[in-house]
Amino acid sequence: MGLPTRMWHAKFFTRYLWGTIASIQLTGFIADQQYGISRSRNTDIMWPWWGEIMRKKEKGEIPMDMPGYMLCKYRNESEERWTAEREEEFGEFMNAMDSE
């Protein structure tokens, strides 16, 4: 008797819903700390291929205005169309990353 009114009281969401979300976030943070997961981004470790593209652009081997995704091996359909439209402009540099 009286269970529905007690179950859905005025502070239900602030106590239980937001408390559950906060508990999940806190558990994730504690797990990251416990196992030593770094939340920082080190571009030298995680994206070495992007550093290679930037060095080649600095040296002048690749034009500075050439988009980086044109150098990727896998492209989606819209990128293939874009590349085909600009083949004459960037065609000679398309395989610049394969030279190594």
Protein backbone atom coordinates (compact mmCIF):
# COMPACT_ATOMS: atom_id res chain seq x y z
CA MET A 1 0.00 0.00 0.00
CA GLY A 2 1.40 3.33 -0.98
CA LEU A 3 4.24 1.77 -2.98
CA PRO A 4 3.79 3.73 -6.26
CA THR A 5 3.84 7.11 -4.53
CA ARG A 6 6.93 6.20 -2.55
CA MET A 7 8.68 4.71 -5.58
CA TRP A 8 8.28 7.77 -7.81
CA HIS A 9 8.77 10.50 -5.27
CA ALA A 10 9.82 14.07 -6.13
CA LYS A 11 13.56 13.47 -5.75
CA PHE A 12 13.65 10.13 -7.58
CA PHE A 13 15.59 11.33 -10.65
CA THR A 14 18.06 13.49 -8.78
CA ARG A 15 18.83 10.68 -6.36
CA TYR A 16 18.77 7.55 -8.47
CA LEU A 17 19.11 8.42 -12.14
CA TRP A 18 21.83 11.04 -11.78
CA GLY A 19 23.38 9.04 -8.97
CA THR A 20 23.62 5.99 -11.25
CA ILE A 21 25.21 8.04 -14.04
CA ALA A 22 27.68 9.56 -11.59
CA SER A 23 28.50 6.09 -10.22
CA ILE A 24 29.23 4.78 -13.72
CA GLN A 25 31.50 7.75 -14.45
CA LEU A 26 33.28 7.34 -11.12
CA THR A 27 33.76 3.62 -11.67
CA GLY A 28 35.28 4.29 -15.09
CA PHE A 29 37.62 6.92 -13.66
CA ILE A 30 38.74 4.62 -10.83
CA ALA A 31 39.35 1.78 -13.33
CA ASP A 32 41.45 4.10 -15.51
CA GLN A 33 43.49 5.14 -12.49
CA GLN A 34 43.87 1.60 -11.20
CA TYR A 35 45.13 0.16 -14.50
CA GLY A 36 47.19 3.21 -15.47
CA ILE A 37 45.26 4.21 -18.59
CA SER A 38 46.52 7.56 -19.80
CA ARG A 39 43.92 10.00 -21.09
CA SER A 40 46.49 12.21 -22.81
CA ARG A 41 47.15 12.14 -26.54
CA ASN A 42 50.72 11.74 -27.68
CA THR A 43 50.84 12.24 -31.42
CA ASP A 44 54.30 10.69 -31.72
CA ILE A 45 53.02 7.36 -30.42
CA MET A 46 49.42 7.17 -31.58
CA TRP A 47 49.59 8.78 -35.05
CA PRO A 48 53.10 8.34 -36.49
CA TRP A 49 51.75 8.25 -40.05
CA TRP A 50 50.33 11.76 -39.66
CA GLY A 51 53.73 12.99 -38.51
CA GLU A 52 55.26 11.45 -41.64
CA ILE A 53 52.75 13.30 -43.83
CA MET A 54 53.50 16.60 -42.09
CA ARG A 55 57.30 16.12 -42.46
CA LYS A 56 56.87 15.43 -46.18
CA LYS A 57 54.73 18.55 -46.54
CA GLU A 58 57.38 20.60 -44.73
CA LYS A 59 60.10 19.26 -47.03
CA GLY A 60 58.01 20.07 -50.09
CA GLU A 61 57.57 16.48 -51.25
CA ILE A 62 53.78 16.89 -50.94
CA PRO A 63 51.93 20.19 -51.61
CA MET A 64 50.75 21.97 -48.46
CA ASP A 65 47.19 22.34 -49.75
CA MET A 66 46.79 18.62 -50.48
CA PRO A 67 44.28 17.03 -48.06
CA GLY A 68 45.73 14.28 -45.91
CA TYR A 69 42.91 11.84 -46.61
CA MET A 70 43.93 11.77 -50.28
CA LEU A 71 47.04 9.92 -49.12
CA CYS A 72 45.11 7.25 -47.22
CA LYS A 73 44.88 3.79 -48.74
CA TYR A 74 41.18 3.32 -47.97
CA ARG A 75 38.61 5.92 -49.00
CA ASN A 76 34.84 5.99 -48.95
CA GLU A 77 32.74 6.65 -52.02
CA SER A 78 32.53 10.44 -51.69
CA GLU A 79 36.30 10.71 -51.15
CA GLU A 80 36.85 8.62 -54.29
CA ARG A 81 34.70 11.07 -56.29
CA TRP A 82 36.54 14.05 -54.81
CA THR A 83 39.89 12.43 -55.62
CA ALA A 84 38.82 11.66 -59.18
CA GLU A 85 37.82 15.31 -59.70
CA ARG A 86 41.25 16.52 -58.51
CA GLU A 87 43.40 13.81 -60.06
CA GLU A 88 45.11 16.27 -62.42
CA GLU A 89 45.98 18.64 -59.57
CA PHE A 90 47.36 16.11 -57.07
CA GLY A 91 47.86 13.02 -59.26
CA GLU A 92 51.65 12.95 -59.09
CA PHE A 93 51.62 13.06 -55.29
CA MET A 94 49.01 10.36 -54.70
CA ASN A 95 51.60 7.65 -53.97
CA ALA A 96 53.99 9.83 -51.98
CA MET A 97 53.56 7.73 -48.84
CA ASP A 98 54.28 4.45 -50.66
CA SER A 99 57.87 5.42 -51.51
CA GLU A 100 59.24 4.15 -48.19
